[in-house]
Protein backbone atom coordinates (compact mmCIF):
# COMPACT_ATOMS: atom_id res chain seq x y z
CA MET A 1 -4.50 -12.50 5.23
CA VAL A 2 -6.84 -10.21 3.36
CA VAL A 3 -9.39 -10.60 6.06
CA VAL A 4 -6.90 -9.55 8.70
CA LEU A 5 -5.90 -6.51 6.56
CA ALA A 6 -9.55 -5.81 6.01
CA SER A 7 -10.36 -5.70 9.77
CA PHE A 8 -7.45 -3.27 10.42
CA VAL A 9 -8.27 -1.11 7.53
CA ALA A 10 -11.94 -0.93 8.30
CA ALA A 11 -11.14 1.30 11.33
CA ILE A 12 -9.36 3.77 9.10
CA GLY A 13 -11.59 6.35 7.61
CA MET A 14 -13.53 9.30 8.80
CA ALA A 15 -11.87 10.78 11.85
CA THR A 16 -9.68 13.70 12.84
CA PRO A 17 -6.07 13.25 12.11
CA ALA A 18 -3.61 12.43 14.78
CA HIS A 19 -0.20 13.90 15.38
CA ALA A 20 1.55 11.48 17.63
CA ASP A 21 2.04 7.76 18.10
CA PRO A 22 -0.36 5.78 20.33
CA ASN A 23 2.04 5.59 23.21
CA GLY A 24 2.14 9.28 23.61
CA ASN A 25 5.76 9.62 22.23
CA ASP A 26 6.22 12.48 19.76
CA SER A 27 9.13 10.87 17.90
CA GLY A 28 9.95 7.63 16.25
CA PRO A 29 8.63 5.89 13.16
CA ASP A 30 4.98 5.57 14.41
CA ALA A 31 4.77 9.31 15.01
CA SER A 32 6.42 9.99 11.62
CA PHE A 33 3.95 7.62 9.94
CA LEU A 34 0.83 9.31 11.66
CA THR A 35 2.15 12.83 10.81
CA ALA A 36 2.76 11.83 7.19
CA LEU A 37 -0.65 10.33 6.89
CA ASP A 38 -1.94 13.72 8.41
CA ASN A 39 0.21 15.71 5.93
CA ALA A 40 -1.24 13.68 2.92
CA GLY A 41 -4.79 14.25 4.10
CA ILE A 42 -5.44 10.68 5.03
CA THR A 43 -7.65 10.45 8.17
CA PHE A 44 -8.18 7.53 10.50
CA GLN A 45 -10.22 6.75 13.58
CA ASN A 46 -7.60 4.83 15.56
CA LYS A 47 -3.85 5.46 15.68
CA ALA A 48 -2.98 1.97 16.64
CA ASP A 49 -5.02 0.47 13.85
CA ALA A 50 -3.58 2.78 11.30
CA ILE A 51 -0.02 1.79 12.38
CA ALA A 52 -0.85 -1.83 12.39
CA VAL A 53 -2.25 -1.54 8.83
CA GLY A 54 0.94 0.24 7.72
CA LYS A 55 3.14 -2.39 9.27
CA ARG A 56 0.94 -5.19 7.87
CA ALA A 57 1.47 -3.72 4.43
CA CYS A 58 5.18 -3.96 4.84
CA ALA A 59 4.86 -7.49 6.25
CA ASP A 60 2.92 -8.49 3.14
CA MET A 61 5.66 -7.03 0.86
CA ASP A 62 8.36 -8.76 2.93
CA GLN A 63 6.62 -11.99 2.12
CA GLY A 64 6.96 -11.35 -1.54
CA ARG A 65 3.58 -9.72 -2.24
CA PRO A 66 3.91 -7.01 -4.84
CA ALA A 67 3.23 -3.47 -3.74
CA SER A 68 0.41 -3.29 -6.33
CA ASP A 69 -1.48 -6.15 -4.60
CA VAL A 70 -1.02 -4.60 -1.26
CA ILE A 71 -2.42 -1.25 -2.57
CA GLN A 72 -5.41 -3.07 -4.12
CA SER A 73 -6.06 -4.83 -0.78
CA VAL A 74 -5.85 -1.62 1.20
CA SER A 75 -8.34 0.04 -1.26
CA ALA A 76 -10.63 -2.90 -1.54
CA SER A 77 -10.69 -3.48 2.24
CA ASN A 78 -11.73 0.11 3.00
CA PRO A 79 -14.63 1.55 1.10
CA GLY A 80 -13.51 5.04 2.31
CA PHE A 81 -10.23 4.71 0.43
CA THR A 82 -9.86 5.61 -3.23
CA MET A 83 -7.08 3.90 -5.18
CA ASP A 84 -5.15 7.10 -4.77
CA SER A 85 -5.54 7.18 -1.02
CA ALA A 86 -4.52 3.49 -0.69
CA THR A 87 -1.49 4.19 -2.90
CA LYS A 88 -0.46 7.21 -0.71
CA PHE A 89 -1.15 5.14 2.44
CA THR A 90 0.96 2.30 1.16
CA ALA A 91 3.76 4.65 -0.05
CA ILE A 92 3.91 6.33 3.45
CA ALA A 93 3.92 2.88 5.17
CA THR A 94 6.81 1.83 2.78
CA GLU A 95 8.87 4.83 3.40
CA THR A 96 8.37 4.73 7.12
CA TYR A 97 8.48 0.96 7.96
CA CYS A 98 10.17 -0.91 5.01
CA PRO A 99 12.15 1.46 2.89
CA GLN A 100 13.92 -1.58 1.35
CA HIS A 101 10.79 -1.82 -0.88
CA LEU A 102 10.97 1.77 -2.11
CA GLY A 103 11.16 1.85 -5.85
CA GLU A 104 9.30 -1.43 -6.39
CA PRO A 105 6.65 -1.23 -9.01
CA THR A 106 3.18 -0.27 -7.83
CA ALA A 107 1.45 -1.57 -10.96
CA PRO A 108 1.80 -5.08 -12.34
CA PRO A 109 3.91 -5.30 -15.43
CA PRO A 110 2.20 -5.45 -18.76
CA PRO A 111 1.74 -8.95 -20.18
CA PRO A 112 4.60 -9.96 -22.51
CA ASP A 113 3.94 -9.45 -26.17
CA ILE A 114 3.81 -13.00 -27.46
CA ARG A 115 3.30 -13.40 -31.09
CA PRO A 116 4.14 -16.60 -32.75
CA GLU A 117 6.82 -16.47 -35.45
CA PHE A 118 6.42 -19.09 -38.03
CA PRO A 119 9.38 -19.58 -40.26
CA TRP A 120 7.27 -20.26 -43.26
CA PRO A 121 8.86 -19.05 -46.37
CA GLY A 122 7.04 -16.51 -48.37
CA LEU A 123 4.79 -15.38 -45.53
CA PRO A 124 5.32 -11.86 -44.09
CA HIS A 125 6.27 -11.74 -40.56
CA LEU A 126 3.88 -9.83 -38.14
């Protein structure tokens, strides 16, 4: 799955931003996605690949993968993306293609604070 995402993301990087979807339509979710990427300063070489990566990010989340993992995959798979760019890209994809995932945490929760409590009399509890 990461390899597939990596192959799509590898095409995103240094190119001039696009303002329409790959089919020439100037409306619809794909055009909105590309325009939002452009407005965020995220450039890409191929419109269709950028759209496919955005939709793949949502498919991963639909399969139960946390947004934080998807962001890490987008960042790790494309050396041109900083973690901030990957976060913006994933947020834009989520808003456009899978708004049901909006508001999900983008960072893993901290580990639980597990401290053993021993009911030994006379010892202070931590």
